[in-house]
Amino acid sequence: MNQYIKLINKAKQNPKGLSFSEFHTLMTKCGWVKDRQKGSHQIWYSPKGDRLSIQTFGNMAKEYQARQFLNFEKGNEDENK
């Protein structure tokens, strides 16, 4: 099982338990691009142009932001079917 699938499964099963570095890796592997950063806020864009603002919560990703990301990715999967 490759790293992308492991991270997607981890995010789906427990979005609260995703480290920020894992979240960053997952977004990059899904084709998202970091546009800019101001303070702790990072602005990312999906290949379709969806915008997502993320920030760290200690060394963990915020649960609601991981869920937003998964919803964007689910929408992309549905459109590709």
Protein backbone atom coordinates (compact mmCIF):
# COMPACT_ATOMS: atom_id res chain seq x y z
CA MET A 1 0.00 0.00 0.00
CA ASN A 2 1.54 3.32 -0.97
CA GLN A 3 1.91 6.37 1.25
CA TYR A 4 -1.00 8.27 -0.35
CA ILE A 5 -3.50 5.48 0.36
CA LYS A 6 -2.23 5.06 3.93
CA LEU A 7 -2.60 8.79 4.62
CA ILE A 8 -6.06 9.02 3.02
CA ASN A 9 -7.24 6.06 5.10
CA LYS A 10 -5.75 7.56 8.27
CA ALA A 11 -7.43 10.91 7.56
CA LYS A 12 -10.80 9.25 6.91
CA GLN A 13 -10.63 7.08 10.03
CA ASN A 14 -9.32 9.75 12.40
CA PRO A 15 -8.98 13.28 10.98
CA LYS A 16 -8.21 14.55 14.48
CA GLY A 17 -5.14 12.29 14.69
CA LEU A 18 -3.44 13.55 11.53
CA SER A 19 -0.15 15.35 12.13
CA PHE A 20 0.43 18.60 10.28
CA SER A 21 3.34 17.12 8.34
CA GLU A 22 1.15 14.17 7.26
CA PHE A 23 -1.58 16.61 6.20
CA HIS A 24 0.97 18.65 4.23
CA THR A 25 2.27 15.48 2.52
CA LEU A 26 -1.26 14.31 1.72
CA MET A 27 -2.24 17.63 0.16
CA THR A 28 0.94 17.71 -1.93
CA LYS A 29 0.44 14.12 -3.15
CA CYS A 30 -3.13 15.01 -4.17
CA GLY A 31 -1.84 17.84 -6.37
CA TRP A 32 -2.66 20.75 -4.06
CA VAL A 33 -0.27 23.72 -4.23
CA LYS A 34 0.66 26.05 -1.39
CA ASP A 35 0.10 29.58 -2.66
CA ARG A 36 1.21 31.72 0.26
CA GLN A 37 1.57 31.93 4.01
CA LYS A 38 0.92 34.77 6.42
CA GLY A 39 1.70 33.97 10.03
CA SER A 40 0.37 30.53 10.82
CA HIS A 41 -2.16 30.51 7.97
CA GLN A 42 -1.33 28.75 4.72
CA ILE A 43 -3.45 29.12 1.59
CA TRP A 44 -3.61 26.03 -0.63
CA TYR A 45 -5.27 25.49 -4.02
CA SER A 46 -6.49 22.22 -5.48
CA PRO A 47 -5.87 21.28 -9.12
CA LYS A 48 -9.48 22.41 -9.77
CA GLY A 49 -8.91 25.78 -8.09
CA ASP A 50 -10.61 25.05 -4.75
CA ARG A 51 -9.11 27.20 -1.98
CA LEU A 52 -8.38 25.94 1.53
CA SER A 53 -6.83 27.90 4.39
CA ILE A 54 -5.04 25.74 6.93
CA GLN A 55 -3.07 26.36 10.10
CA THR A 56 -1.41 24.16 12.64
CA PHE A 57 -2.83 23.25 16.01
CA GLY A 58 0.40 22.49 17.83
CA ASN A 59 1.93 19.84 15.58
CA MET A 60 -1.46 18.44 14.55
CA ALA A 61 -3.76 19.33 11.67
CA LYS A 62 -7.10 20.79 12.70
CA GLU A 63 -9.87 18.23 12.41
CA TYR A 64 -12.33 20.47 10.55
CA GLN A 65 -9.68 21.39 7.98
CA ALA A 66 -8.85 17.73 7.35
CA ARG A 67 -12.59 17.09 6.88
CA GLN A 68 -12.86 20.02 4.45
CA PHE A 69 -9.95 18.63 2.46
CA LEU A 70 -11.53 15.14 2.38
CA ASN A 71 -14.81 16.65 1.17
CA PHE A 72 -13.01 18.45 -1.68
CA GLU A 73 -11.23 15.22 -2.62
CA LYS A 74 -14.47 13.21 -2.44
CA GLY A 75 -16.06 15.71 -4.81
CA ASN A 76 -13.14 15.33 -7.20
CA GLU A 77 -13.44 11.53 -7.11
CA ASP A 78 -17.19 11.69 -7.81
CA GLU A 79 -16.63 13.93 -10.84
CA ASN A 80 -14.01 11.56 -12.27
CA LYS A 81 -16.38 8.57 -12.24
